[in-house]
Amino acid sequence: MILDLHAHSIKSDDGRAKVQNYCQWIKTRNIAIDGFVLTEHRQFDDESDYSPLAREHGLTILKGAEVETEYGHVLVFGVTPELRAAFDFADIHLPLARVLEACETHNAVAVPCHPGRKRVGMAAHLEEFGIPGGVRIVEVYNGGSRGDEDQVAQQLADEQNYLGIGGSDAHIVSHIGRCATEFSHPIHNERELVEALQGSDFKALKLAQED
């Protein structure tokens, strides 16, 4: 099962893609993914029901979030009402330790994303704050990476023995599926995604495709 774990729709402030158009693009271009996770910026979209689209296109469409900490941006999977009450997803100055602790308490998973990116990646803040405790997984492949950002992310993962995931970080339709994560078992919902990420049987992928 291959899922793009990092995508943004028009629900995000800088997203320009409708979820329906992601689905159409994946099918018409034969993008080699089985679904994707919508990780909208600084929020969890509990209003949208994408199950009809998922059934129509034969895809798994899940939801998560992307929040902002002193170590940069962090993907959150397994969002529940209890987790949302534990910290303010809209706060752009969240302590990473608080996010990690809340995810641990509420059976969710937090993953620093594009850690090799300047300013908004974890590696950019290690000199000031040190290696954070509690991180287990980082995004090693990001579809929006430039230069050596993915190499920095992979080196960080290697040095700290982090597991790695991949996500496109798509904000426009043609970027969906550039990077993804392969799992050994089917994933149908957010709970199964969390369970898979709590294990270690997954790997990050870069998927070649044209705009």
N, C-alpha and C. Protein backbone atom coordinates (compact mmCIF):
# COMPACT_ATOMS: atom_id res chain seq x y z
N MET A 1 0.86 -1.20 0.00
CA MET A 1 0.00 0.00 0.00
C MET A 1 0.88 1.23 0.00
N ILE A 2 0.67 2.11 -0.95
CA ILE A 2 1.50 3.32 -1.07
C ILE A 2 0.63 4.55 -0.85
N LEU A 3 0.98 5.33 0.16
CA LEU A 3 0.23 6.54 0.49
C LEU A 3 1.15 7.75 0.46
N ASP A 4 0.67 8.81 -0.12
CA ASP A 4 1.32 10.12 -0.03
C ASP A 4 0.86 10.73 1.30
N LEU A 5 1.79 10.86 2.24
CA LEU A 5 1.42 11.26 3.61
C LEU A 5 1.41 12.76 3.86
N HIS A 6 1.56 13.56 2.80
CA HIS A 6 1.68 15.01 3.03
C HIS A 6 1.13 15.76 1.83
N ALA A 7 -0.11 16.23 1.94
CA ALA A 7 -0.74 16.98 0.85
C ALA A 7 -1.65 18.05 1.41
N HIS A 8 -1.84 19.11 0.64
CA HIS A 8 -2.66 20.25 1.06
C HIS A 8 -3.71 20.55 -0.02
N SER A 9 -4.91 20.84 0.44
CA SER A 9 -5.98 21.23 -0.47
C SER A 9 -6.25 22.72 -0.33
N ILE A 10 -7.32 23.19 -0.96
CA ILE A 10 -7.70 24.59 -0.83
C ILE A 10 -8.11 24.95 0.59
N LYS A 11 -8.22 23.97 1.46
CA LYS A 11 -8.50 24.26 2.88
C LYS A 11 -7.30 24.92 3.55
N SER A 12 -6.10 24.67 3.02
CA SER A 12 -4.91 25.33 3.54
C SER A 12 -4.78 26.71 2.92
N ASP A 13 -4.16 27.62 3.65
CA ASP A 13 -4.10 29.01 3.21
C ASP A 13 -3.36 29.18 1.88
N ASP A 14 -2.40 28.30 1.61
CA ASP A 14 -1.65 28.42 0.36
C ASP A 14 -1.91 27.25 -0.59
N GLY A 15 -2.91 26.44 -0.30
CA GLY A 15 -3.24 25.32 -1.17
C GLY A 15 -4.10 25.75 -2.34
N ARG A 16 -3.83 25.19 -3.51
CA ARG A 16 -4.58 25.57 -4.71
C ARG A 16 -5.24 24.38 -5.39
N ALA A 17 -5.31 23.25 -4.67
CA ALA A 17 -5.84 22.03 -5.29
C ALA A 17 -7.12 21.59 -4.60
N LYS A 18 -8.12 21.23 -5.39
CA LYS A 18 -9.32 20.60 -4.85
C LYS A 18 -9.07 19.10 -4.75
N VAL A 19 -9.63 18.50 -3.73
CA VAL A 19 -9.40 17.07 -3.49
C VAL A 19 -9.89 16.24 -4.68
N GLN A 20 -11.01 16.63 -5.25
CA GLN A 20 -11.52 15.92 -6.41
C GLN A 20 -10.50 15.94 -7.56
N ASN A 21 -9.83 17.06 -7.73
CA ASN A 21 -8.85 17.16 -8.81
C ASN A 21 -7.60 16.31 -8.54
N TYR A 22 -7.21 16.20 -7.26
CA TYR A 22 -6.14 15.26 -6.92
C TYR A 22 -6.52 13.85 -7.38
N CYS A 23 -7.74 13.45 -7.04
CA CYS A 23 -8.20 12.10 -7.38
C CYS A 23 -8.18 11.88 -8.90
N GLN A 24 -8.68 12.86 -9.63
CA GLN A 24 -8.72 12.74 -11.09
C GLN A 24 -7.31 12.67 -11.68
N TRP A 25 -6.41 13.47 -11.14
CA TRP A 25 -5.04 13.49 -11.63
C TRP A 25 -4.36 12.14 -11.38
N ILE A 26 -4.54 11.60 -10.19
CA ILE A 26 -3.93 10.31 -9.85
C ILE A 26 -4.39 9.23 -10.83
N LYS A 27 -5.67 9.22 -11.14
CA LYS A 27 -6.21 8.17 -12.00
C LYS A 27 -5.85 8.39 -13.47
N THR A 28 -5.97 9.62 -13.96
CA THR A 28 -5.70 9.85 -15.38
C THR A 28 -4.21 9.75 -15.71
N ARG A 29 -3.37 10.09 -14.75
CA ARG A 29 -1.92 10.02 -14.97
C ARG A 29 -1.31 8.73 -14.44
N ASN A 30 -2.14 7.84 -13.92
CA ASN A 30 -1.67 6.56 -13.39
C ASN A 30 -0.55 6.75 -12.36
N ILE A 31 -0.75 7.71 -11.46
CA ILE A 31 0.22 7.94 -10.39
C ILE A 31 0.21 6.71 -9.47
N ALA A 32 1.38 6.22 -9.14
CA ALA A 32 1.51 4.94 -8.44
C ALA A 32 1.31 5.06 -6.93
N ILE A 33 0.17 5.64 -6.53
CA ILE A 33 -0.18 5.68 -5.11
C ILE A 33 -1.61 5.18 -4.94
N ASP A 34 -1.88 4.66 -3.76
CA ASP A 34 -3.21 4.13 -3.44
C ASP A 34 -4.07 5.13 -2.69
N GLY A 35 -3.49 6.27 -2.35
CA GLY A 35 -4.24 7.29 -1.63
C GLY A 35 -3.32 8.35 -1.07
N PHE A 36 -3.89 9.24 -0.27
CA PHE A 36 -3.11 10.35 0.27
C PHE A 36 -3.73 10.85 1.57
N VAL A 37 -2.92 11.60 2.31
CA VAL A 37 -3.37 12.18 3.58
C VAL A 37 -3.34 13.70 3.44
N LEU A 38 -4.46 14.33 3.74
CA LEU A 38 -4.56 15.79 3.70
C LEU A 38 -4.12 16.35 5.05
N THR A 39 -2.99 17.01 5.03
CA THR A 39 -2.41 17.56 6.27
C THR A 39 -2.48 19.08 6.19
N GLU A 40 -3.64 19.62 6.41
CA GLU A 40 -3.84 21.07 6.24
C GLU A 40 -3.06 21.85 7.30
N HIS A 41 -2.61 23.04 6.90
CA HIS A 41 -1.78 23.87 7.77
C HIS A 41 -2.56 24.37 8.99
N ARG A 42 -1.99 24.15 10.17
CA ARG A 42 -2.44 24.75 11.43
C ARG A 42 -3.92 24.48 11.73
N GLN A 43 -4.40 23.32 11.31
CA GLN A 43 -5.82 23.00 11.54
C GLN A 43 -6.06 21.52 11.29
N PHE A 44 -7.18 21.04 11.78
CA PHE A 44 -7.68 19.74 11.38
C PHE A 44 -9.05 19.94 10.78
N ASP A 45 -9.21 19.52 9.55
CA ASP A 45 -10.46 19.70 8.83
C ASP A 45 -11.44 18.59 9.21
N ASP A 46 -12.29 18.85 10.19
CA ASP A 46 -13.27 17.84 10.61
C ASP A 46 -14.60 18.01 9.90
N GLU A 47 -14.69 18.98 8.99
CA GLU A 47 -15.95 19.25 8.31
C GLU A 47 -16.12 18.44 7.03
N SER A 48 -15.03 18.20 6.33
CA SER A 48 -15.12 17.59 5.00
C SER A 48 -15.22 16.07 5.09
N ASP A 49 -16.11 15.51 4.30
CA ASP A 49 -16.27 14.06 4.19
C ASP A 49 -15.85 13.65 2.77
N TYR A 50 -14.70 13.01 2.68
CA TYR A 50 -14.18 12.63 1.37
C TYR A 50 -14.47 11.18 1.03
N SER A 51 -15.27 10.50 1.83
CA SER A 51 -15.53 9.08 1.57
C SER A 51 -16.22 8.84 0.22
N PRO A 52 -17.17 9.68 -0.22
CA PRO A 52 -17.73 9.45 -1.56
C PRO A 52 -16.68 9.56 -2.67
N LEU A 53 -15.78 10.54 -2.57
CA LEU A 53 -14.71 10.67 -3.56
C LEU A 53 -13.78 9.46 -3.52
N ALA A 54 -13.48 9.01 -2.30
CA ALA A 54 -12.60 7.85 -2.16
C ALA A 54 -13.19 6.62 -2.82
N ARG A 55 -14.48 6.41 -2.60
CA ARG A 55 -15.14 5.25 -3.22
C ARG A 55 -15.20 5.39 -4.74
N GLU A 56 -15.52 6.59 -5.22
CA GLU A 56 -15.64 6.82 -6.66
C GLU A 56 -14.35 6.53 -7.39
N HIS A 57 -13.23 6.91 -6.77
CA HIS A 57 -11.94 6.80 -7.47
C HIS A 57 -11.11 5.62 -6.98
N GLY A 58 -11.63 4.85 -6.02
CA GLY A 58 -10.88 3.71 -5.53
C GLY A 58 -9.61 4.08 -4.80
N LEU A 59 -9.67 5.16 -4.03
CA LEU A 59 -8.50 5.66 -3.31
C LEU A 59 -8.79 5.73 -1.81
N THR A 60 -7.73 5.71 -1.04
CA THR A 60 -7.84 5.98 0.40
C THR A 60 -7.52 7.45 0.63
N ILE A 61 -8.46 8.19 1.20
CA ILE A 61 -8.25 9.61 1.49
C ILE A 61 -8.39 9.81 3.00
N LEU A 62 -7.29 10.16 3.64
CA LEU A 62 -7.27 10.34 5.09
C LEU A 62 -6.95 11.79 5.43
N LYS A 63 -7.09 12.12 6.71
CA LYS A 63 -6.83 13.49 7.14
C LYS A 63 -5.88 13.51 8.34
N GLY A 64 -5.01 14.50 8.34
CA GLY A 64 -4.11 14.75 9.45
C GLY A 64 -3.99 16.26 9.61
N ALA A 65 -2.82 16.72 10.00
CA ALA A 65 -2.60 18.15 10.16
C ALA A 65 -1.11 18.44 10.05
N GLU A 66 -0.77 19.70 9.80
CA GLU A 66 0.61 20.18 9.87
C GLU A 66 0.65 21.37 10.81
N VAL A 67 1.41 21.22 11.88
CA VAL A 67 1.49 22.28 12.89
C VAL A 67 2.90 22.86 12.91
N GLU A 68 3.07 23.96 13.64
CA GLU A 68 4.33 24.68 13.64
C GLU A 68 4.91 24.75 15.04
N THR A 69 6.19 24.38 15.16
CA THR A 69 6.88 24.35 16.45
C THR A 69 8.19 25.13 16.35
N GLU A 70 8.89 25.22 17.47
CA GLU A 70 10.18 25.91 17.46
C GLU A 70 11.22 25.13 16.67
N TYR A 71 10.95 23.87 16.39
CA TYR A 71 11.83 23.05 15.56
C TYR A 71 11.38 22.99 14.11
N GLY A 72 10.37 23.75 13.75
CA GLY A 72 9.86 23.71 12.40
C GLY A 72 8.52 23.00 12.32
N HIS A 73 8.13 22.64 11.10
CA HIS A 73 6.80 22.09 10.87
C HIS A 73 6.76 20.59 11.20
N VAL A 74 5.58 20.16 11.67
CA VAL A 74 5.40 18.78 12.12
C VAL A 74 4.06 18.25 11.62
N LEU A 75 4.09 17.08 10.99
CA LEU A 75 2.86 16.41 10.59
C LEU A 75 2.29 15.65 11.78
N VAL A 76 0.97 15.66 11.90
CA VAL A 76 0.30 14.95 12.98
C VAL A 76 -0.73 14.00 12.38
N PHE A 77 -0.61 12.72 12.72
CA PHE A 77 -1.52 11.69 12.23
C PHE A 77 -2.28 11.09 13.41
N GLY A 78 -3.57 10.81 13.19
CA GLY A 78 -4.38 10.25 14.26
C GLY A 78 -5.04 11.31 15.12
N VAL A 79 -5.45 12.41 14.49
CA VAL A 79 -6.05 13.52 15.23
C VAL A 79 -7.44 13.12 15.74
N THR A 80 -7.65 13.37 17.02
CA THR A 80 -8.93 13.11 17.68
C THR A 80 -9.39 14.38 18.38
N PRO A 81 -10.64 14.44 18.81
CA PRO A 81 -11.08 15.61 19.58
C PRO A 81 -10.24 15.83 20.83
N GLU A 82 -9.81 14.75 21.46
CA GLU A 82 -8.99 14.87 22.67
C GLU A 82 -7.63 15.48 22.35
N LEU A 83 -7.05 15.09 21.23
CA LEU A 83 -5.76 15.66 20.84
C LEU A 83 -5.91 17.13 20.48
N ARG A 84 -6.98 17.46 19.81
CA ARG A 84 -7.20 18.87 19.44
C ARG A 84 -7.38 19.75 20.67
N ALA A 85 -7.90 19.18 21.75
CA ALA A 85 -8.07 19.93 22.98
C ALA A 85 -6.76 20.06 23.76
N ALA A 86 -5.76 19.25 23.39
CA ALA A 86 -4.51 19.24 24.14
C ALA A 86 -3.60 20.40 23.78
N PHE A 87 -3.71 20.90 22.56
CA PHE A 87 -2.94 22.08 22.17
C PHE A 87 -3.64 22.77 21.01
N ASP A 88 -3.28 24.04 20.81
CA ASP A 88 -3.91 24.86 19.77
C ASP A 88 -3.20 24.64 18.45
N PHE A 89 -3.85 23.96 17.52
CA PHE A 89 -3.24 23.67 16.23
C PHE A 89 -2.88 24.94 15.46
N ALA A 90 -3.56 26.04 15.75
CA ALA A 90 -3.31 27.29 15.04
C ALA A 90 -2.12 28.07 15.59
N ASP A 91 -1.60 27.68 16.74
CA ASP A 91 -0.48 28.37 17.37
C ASP A 91 0.79 28.12 16.55
N ILE A 92 1.45 29.19 16.11
CA ILE A 92 2.65 29.02 15.30
C ILE A 92 3.92 28.94 16.16
N HIS A 93 3.76 28.90 17.47
CA HIS A 93 4.90 28.81 18.39
C HIS A 93 4.74 27.63 19.34
N LEU A 94 4.24 26.52 18.85
CA LEU A 94 4.03 25.36 19.70
C LEU A 94 5.37 24.75 20.12
N PRO A 95 5.53 24.36 21.38
CA PRO A 95 6.72 23.61 21.77
C PRO A 95 6.63 22.19 21.20
N LEU A 96 7.67 21.75 20.53
CA LEU A 96 7.66 20.41 19.97
C LEU A 96 7.43 19.36 21.05
N ALA A 97 8.04 19.56 22.21
CA ALA A 97 7.88 18.59 23.30
C ALA A 97 6.41 18.43 23.68
N ARG A 98 5.68 19.52 23.65
CA ARG A 98 4.25 19.46 23.99
C ARG A 98 3.47 18.67 22.94
N VAL A 99 3.79 18.90 21.67
CA VAL A 99 3.12 18.18 20.59
C VAL A 99 3.42 16.69 20.69
N LEU A 100 4.68 16.35 20.91
CA LEU A 100 5.07 14.94 21.02
C LEU A 100 4.40 14.28 22.22
N GLU A 101 4.37 14.97 23.34
CA GLU A 101 3.76 14.41 24.55
C GLU A 101 2.27 14.20 24.35
N ALA A 102 1.60 15.17 23.74
CA ALA A 102 0.17 15.05 23.51
C ALA A 102 -0.13 13.89 22.55
N CYS A 103 0.68 13.75 21.52
CA CYS A 103 0.48 12.65 20.58
C CYS A 103 0.70 11.31 21.27
N GLU A 104 1.69 11.23 22.12
CA GLU A 104 1.93 9.99 22.85
C GLU A 104 0.76 9.67 23.77
N THR A 105 0.24 10.68 24.44
CA THR A 105 -0.87 10.49 25.37
C THR A 105 -2.14 10.05 24.65
N HIS A 106 -2.38 10.60 23.47
CA HIS A 106 -3.64 10.38 22.76
C HIS A 106 -3.49 9.43 21.56
N ASN A 107 -2.44 8.63 21.57
CA ASN A 107 -2.24 7.58 20.57
C ASN A 107 -2.25 8.13 19.14
N ALA A 108 -1.50 9.20 18.96
CA ALA A 108 -1.29 9.79 17.64
C ALA A 108 0.21 9.73 17.33
N VAL A 109 0.58 10.18 16.15
CA VAL A 109 1.98 10.15 15.73
C VAL A 109 2.36 11.52 15.17
N ALA A 110 3.48 12.06 15.67
CA ALA A 110 4.00 13.34 15.20
C ALA A 110 5.29 13.11 14.43
N VAL A 111 5.39 13.73 13.25
CA VAL A 111 6.54 13.52 12.36
C VAL A 111 7.05 14.87 11.85
N PRO A 112 8.22 15.31 12.30
CA PRO A 112 8.79 16.53 11.71
C PRO A 112 8.93 16.37 10.19
N CYS A 113 8.42 17.35 9.45
CA CYS A 113 8.44 17.25 7.99
C CYS A 113 9.49 18.19 7.40
N HIS A 114 9.87 17.88 6.18
CA HIS A 114 10.97 18.58 5.46
C HIS A 114 12.03 19.09 6.44
N PRO A 115 12.62 18.18 7.23
CA PRO A 115 13.57 18.63 8.27
C PRO A 115 14.84 19.25 7.73
N GLY A 116 15.12 19.07 6.45
CA GLY A 116 16.30 19.69 5.88
C GLY A 116 16.09 21.09 5.33
N ARG A 117 14.87 21.60 5.47
CA ARG A 117 14.54 22.90 4.89
C ARG A 117 14.95 24.04 5.83
N LYS A 118 15.42 25.10 5.26
CA LYS A 118 15.80 26.26 6.05
C LYS A 118 14.58 26.85 6.76
N ARG A 119 14.77 27.27 7.96
CA ARG A 119 13.79 27.98 8.79
C ARG A 119 12.65 27.09 9.26
N VAL A 120 12.01 26.33 8.38
CA VAL A 120 10.84 25.55 8.78
C VAL A 120 11.15 24.06 8.92
N GLY A 121 12.44 23.69 8.87
CA GLY A 121 12.84 22.30 9.06
C GLY A 121 13.60 22.11 10.36
N MET A 122 13.54 20.93 10.90
CA MET A 122 14.12 20.65 12.21
C MET A 122 15.63 20.87 12.25
N ALA A 123 16.33 20.48 11.19
CA ALA A 123 17.79 20.59 11.19
C ALA A 123 18.27 22.02 11.37
N ALA A 124 17.47 22.98 10.92
CA ALA A 124 17.86 24.38 11.02
C ALA A 124 17.89 24.89 12.46
N HIS A 125 17.29 24.13 13.37
CA HIS A 125 17.17 24.61 14.75
C HIS A 125 17.95 23.77 15.75
N LEU A 126 18.69 22.78 15.26
CA LEU A 126 19.41 21.89 16.18
C LEU A 126 20.54 22.60 16.91
N GLU A 127 21.21 23.52 16.21
CA GLU A 127 22.32 24.22 16.85
C GLU A 127 21.83 25.06 18.03
N GLU A 128 20.65 25.64 17.88
CA GLU A 128 20.11 26.49 18.94
C GLU A 128 19.48 25.68 20.06
N PHE A 129 18.71 24.65 19.70
CA PHE A 129 17.91 23.94 20.70
C PHE A 129 18.40 22.53 21.02
N GLY A 130 19.31 21.98 20.21
CA GLY A 130 19.78 20.63 20.44
C GLY A 130 18.86 19.59 19.84
N ILE A 131 19.27 18.33 19.95
CA ILE A 131 18.46 17.22 19.44
C ILE A 131 17.25 17.04 20.35
N PRO A 132 16.04 17.10 19.79
CA PRO A 132 14.85 16.95 20.64
C PRO A 132 14.63 15.50 21.04
N GLY A 133 14.14 15.31 22.24
CA GLY A 133 13.77 13.97 22.67
C GLY A 133 12.40 13.59 22.13
N GLY A 134 12.19 12.30 21.93
CA GLY A 134 10.86 11.82 21.57
C GLY A 134 10.56 11.71 20.10
N VAL A 135 11.44 12.22 19.23
CA VAL A 135 11.22 12.08 17.79
C VAL A 135 11.62 10.67 17.37
N ARG A 136 10.76 10.03 16.60
CA ARG A 136 11.03 8.66 16.15
C ARG A 136 11.05 8.54 14.63
N ILE A 137 10.30 9.42 13.97
CA ILE A 137 10.16 9.39 12.52
C ILE A 137 10.33 10.81 11.98
N VAL A 138 10.98 10.96 10.85
CA VAL A 138 11.02 12.25 10.14
C VAL A 138 10.70 12.00 8.67
N GLU A 139 10.30 13.05 8.01
CA GLU A 139 10.03 12.98 6.57
C GLU A 139 11.36 13.13 5.83
N VAL A 140 11.82 12.05 5.21
CA VAL A 140 13.12 12.10 4.52
C VAL A 140 12.99 12.46 3.05
N TYR A 141 11.81 12.19 2.47
CA TYR A 141 11.56 12.59 1.08
C TYR A 141 10.36 13.52 1.04
N ASN A 142 10.57 14.71 0.50
CA ASN A 142 9.51 15.71 0.38
C ASN A 142 9.47 16.19 -1.06
N GLY A 143 8.28 16.16 -1.66
CA GLY A 143 8.16 16.52 -3.06
C GLY A 143 8.47 17.96 -3.39
N GLY A 144 8.51 18.82 -2.37
CA GLY A 144 8.83 20.22 -2.59
C GLY A 144 10.26 20.58 -2.25
N SER A 145 11.08 19.58 -1.95
CA SER A 145 12.46 19.85 -1.55
C SER A 145 13.28 20.42 -2.70
N ARG A 146 14.22 21.27 -2.34
CA ARG A 146 15.14 21.84 -3.31
C ARG A 146 16.57 21.61 -2.83
N GLY A 147 17.49 21.62 -3.79
CA GLY A 147 18.90 21.48 -3.43
C GLY A 147 19.15 20.20 -2.67
N ASP A 148 19.83 20.34 -1.53
CA ASP A 148 20.21 19.16 -0.75
C ASP A 148 19.29 18.92 0.45
N GLU A 149 18.08 19.48 0.41
CA GLU A 149 17.19 19.38 1.58
C GLU A 149 16.88 17.93 1.96
N ASP A 150 16.62 17.08 0.98
CA ASP A 150 16.35 15.68 1.30
C ASP A 150 17.60 14.97 1.79
N GLN A 151 18.75 15.35 1.26
CA GLN A 151 20.00 14.74 1.73
C GLN A 151 20.26 15.10 3.19
N VAL A 152 19.99 16.34 3.55
CA VAL A 152 20.14 16.76 4.94
C VAL A 152 19.17 15.98 5.83
N ALA A 153 17.94 15.80 5.35
CA ALA A 153 16.95 15.05 6.11
C ALA A 153 17.38 13.60 6.30
N GLN A 154 17.88 12.97 5.23
CA GLN A 154 18.30 11.58 5.33
C GLN A 154 19.52 11.43 6.24
N GLN A 155 20.43 12.38 6.16
CA GLN A 155 21.60 12.32 7.03
C GLN A 155 21.19 12.44 8.50
N LEU A 156 20.25 13.33 8.77
CA LEU A 156 19.74 13.48 10.13
C LEU A 156 19.11 12.17 10.60
N ALA A 157 18.32 11.56 9.72
CA ALA A 157 17.67 10.30 10.08
C ALA A 157 18.70 9.21 10.35
N ASP A 158 19.73 9.16 9.52
CA ASP A 158 20.77 8.16 9.72
C ASP A 158 21.51 8.37 11.03
N GLU A 159 21.85 9.62 11.32
CA GLU A 159 22.62 9.92 12.53
C GLU A 159 21.83 9.65 13.80
N GLN A 160 20.53 9.90 13.75
CA GLN A 160 19.70 9.77 14.95
C GLN A 160 18.87 8.48 14.96
N ASN A 161 19.08 7.62 13.96
CA ASN A 161 18.32 6.36 13.86
C ASN A 161 16.82 6.59 13.79
N TYR A 162 16.42 7.63 13.07
CA TYR A 162 15.00 7.89 12.83
C TYR A 162 14.51 7.02 11.68
N LEU A 163 13.26 6.62 11.74
CA LEU A 163 12.60 6.03 10.59
C LEU A 163 12.21 7.16 9.64
N GLY A 164 11.98 6.82 8.36
CA GLY A 164 11.68 7.86 7.38
C GLY A 164 10.39 7.61 6.62
N ILE A 165 9.66 8.69 6.36
CA ILE A 165 8.47 8.64 5.51
C ILE A 165 8.67 9.58 4.33
N GLY A 166 7.78 9.47 3.35
CA GLY A 166 7.80 10.36 2.20
C GLY A 166 6.43 10.96 1.95
N GLY A 167 6.42 12.20 1.51
CA GLY A 167 5.17 12.88 1.15
C GLY A 167 5.44 13.95 0.12
N SER A 168 4.46 14.22 -0.72
CA SER A 168 4.66 15.17 -1.83
C SER A 168 4.70 16.62 -1.37
N ASP A 169 4.04 16.92 -0.24
CA ASP A 169 3.85 18.31 0.18
C ASP A 169 3.16 19.09 -0.94
N ALA A 170 2.25 18.40 -1.63
CA ALA A 170 1.58 19.00 -2.78
C ALA A 170 0.68 20.15 -2.36
N HIS A 171 0.78 21.25 -3.09
CA HIS A 171 -0.14 22.38 -2.96
C HIS A 171 -0.90 22.61 -4.26
N ILE A 172 -0.41 22.00 -5.33
CA ILE A 172 -1.09 22.05 -6.62
C ILE A 172 -1.27 20.61 -7.11
N VAL A 173 -2.24 20.43 -7.99
CA VAL A 173 -2.66 19.08 -8.38
C VAL A 173 -1.52 18.25 -8.95
N SER A 174 -0.69 18.84 -9.81
CA SER A 174 0.32 18.06 -10.52
C SER A 174 1.46 17.58 -9.63
N HIS A 175 1.49 18.00 -8.37
CA HIS A 175 2.58 17.59 -7.49
C HIS A 175 2.21 16.38 -6.62
N ILE A 176 0.96 15.95 -6.63
CA ILE A 176 0.55 14.84 -5.78
C ILE A 176 1.31 13.57 -6.17
N GLY A 177 1.76 12.83 -5.18
CA GLY A 177 2.42 11.57 -5.44
C GLY A 177 3.88 11.66 -5.83
N ARG A 178 4.50 12.82 -5.73
CA ARG A 178 5.92 12.92 -6.06
C ARG A 178 6.76 12.09 -5.09
N CYS A 179 6.36 12.08 -3.83
CA CYS A 179 6.99 11.24 -2.82
C CYS A 179 5.87 10.57 -2.03
N ALA A 180 6.17 9.42 -1.45
CA ALA A 180 5.13 8.68 -0.75
C ALA A 180 5.77 7.71 0.23
N THR A 181 4.93 6.93 0.88
CA THR A 181 5.39 5.95 1.85
C THR A 181 4.72 4.62 1.55
N GLU A 182 5.53 3.57 1.52
CA GLU A 182 5.01 2.23 1.23
C GLU A 182 4.84 1.44 2.52
N PHE A 183 3.65 0.87 2.70
CA PHE A 183 3.34 0.04 3.85
C PHE A 183 3.10 -1.39 3.38
N SER A 184 3.32 -2.34 4.27
CA SER A 184 3.18 -3.74 3.90
C SER A 184 1.75 -4.23 3.98
N HIS A 185 0.88 -3.48 4.65
CA HIS A 185 -0.51 -3.91 4.81
C HIS A 185 -1.45 -2.79 4.37
N PRO A 186 -2.67 -3.13 3.96
CA PRO A 186 -3.65 -2.10 3.57
C PRO A 186 -3.98 -1.17 4.75
N ILE A 187 -4.25 0.07 4.41
CA ILE A 187 -4.64 1.07 5.41
C ILE A 187 -5.93 1.71 4.93
N HIS A 188 -6.96 1.64 5.77
CA HIS A 188 -8.28 2.14 5.38
C HIS A 188 -8.71 3.38 6.14
N ASN A 189 -8.08 3.67 7.28
CA ASN A 189 -8.51 4.79 8.11
C ASN A 189 -7.33 5.33 8.91
N GLU A 190 -7.58 6.44 9.61
CA GLU A 190 -6.51 7.10 10.36
C GLU A 190 -5.95 6.22 11.46
N ARG A 191 -6.81 5.41 12.09
CA ARG A 191 -6.32 4.55 13.17
C ARG A 191 -5.35 3.50 12.64
N GLU A 192 -5.67 2.92 11.49
CA GLU A 192 -4.75 1.94 10.90
C GLU A 192 -3.45 2.60 10.46
N LEU A 193 -3.52 3.84 10.02
CA LEU A 193 -2.30 4.56 9.66
C LEU A 193 -1.42 4.76 10.88
N VAL A 194 -2.01 5.17 11.99
CA VAL A 194 -1.25 5.35 13.23
C VAL A 194 -0.60 4.05 13.65
N GLU A 195 -1.35 2.96 13.61
CA GLU A 195 -0.81 1.66 14.01
C GLU A 195 0.37 1.27 13.12
N ALA A 196 0.26 1.54 11.83
CA ALA A 196 1.35 1.22 10.92
C ALA A 196 2.59 2.06 11.22
N LEU A 197 2.39 3.35 11.50
CA LEU A 197 3.52 4.23 11.80
C LEU A 197 4.13 3.93 13.15
N GLN A 198 3.35 3.38 14.07
CA GLN A 198 3.89 2.99 15.36
C GLN A 198 4.77 1.76 15.26
N GLY A 199 4.63 1.03 14.16
CA GLY A 199 5.53 -0.07 13.87
C GLY A 199 6.73 0.45 13.11
N SER A 200 7.35 -0.42 12.34
CA SER A 200 8.54 -0.01 11.59
C SER A 200 8.56 -0.55 10.17
N ASP A 201 7.46 -1.18 9.75
CA ASP A 201 7.42 -1.83 8.45
C ASP A 201 6.89 -0.88 7.38
N PHE A 202 7.67 0.15 7.09
CA PHE A 202 7.32 1.10 6.03
C PHE A 202 8.59 1.73 5.52
N LYS A 203 8.51 2.31 4.32
CA LYS A 203 9.68 2.96 3.76
C LYS A 203 9.27 4.13 2.88
N ALA A 204 10.12 5.12 2.84
CA ALA A 204 9.88 6.32 2.02
C ALA A 204 10.24 6.04 0.58
N LEU A 205 9.46 6.65 -0.34
CA LEU A 205 9.66 6.47 -1.77
C LEU A 205 9.70 7.81 -2.49
N LYS A 206 10.55 7.88 -3.51
CA LYS A 206 10.47 8.97 -4.49
C LYS A 206 9.89 8.38 -5.75
N LEU A 207 8.85 9.00 -6.28
CA LEU A 207 8.18 8.48 -7.46
C LEU A 207 8.40 9.43 -8.63
N ALA A 208 9.03 8.93 -9.67
CA ALA A 208 9.31 9.76 -10.85
C ALA A 208 8.03 10.02 -11.62
N GLN A 209 7.81 11.27 -11.98
CA GLN A 209 6.67 11.63 -12.79
C GLN A 209 6.90 13.00 -13.42
N GLU A 210 6.09 13.31 -14.40
CA GLU A 210 6.22 14.58 -15.10
C GLU A 210 5.08 15.50 -14.71
N ASP A 211 5.34 16.81 -14.75
CA ASP A 211 4.27 17.79 -14.54
C ASP A 211 3.32 17.76 -15.72
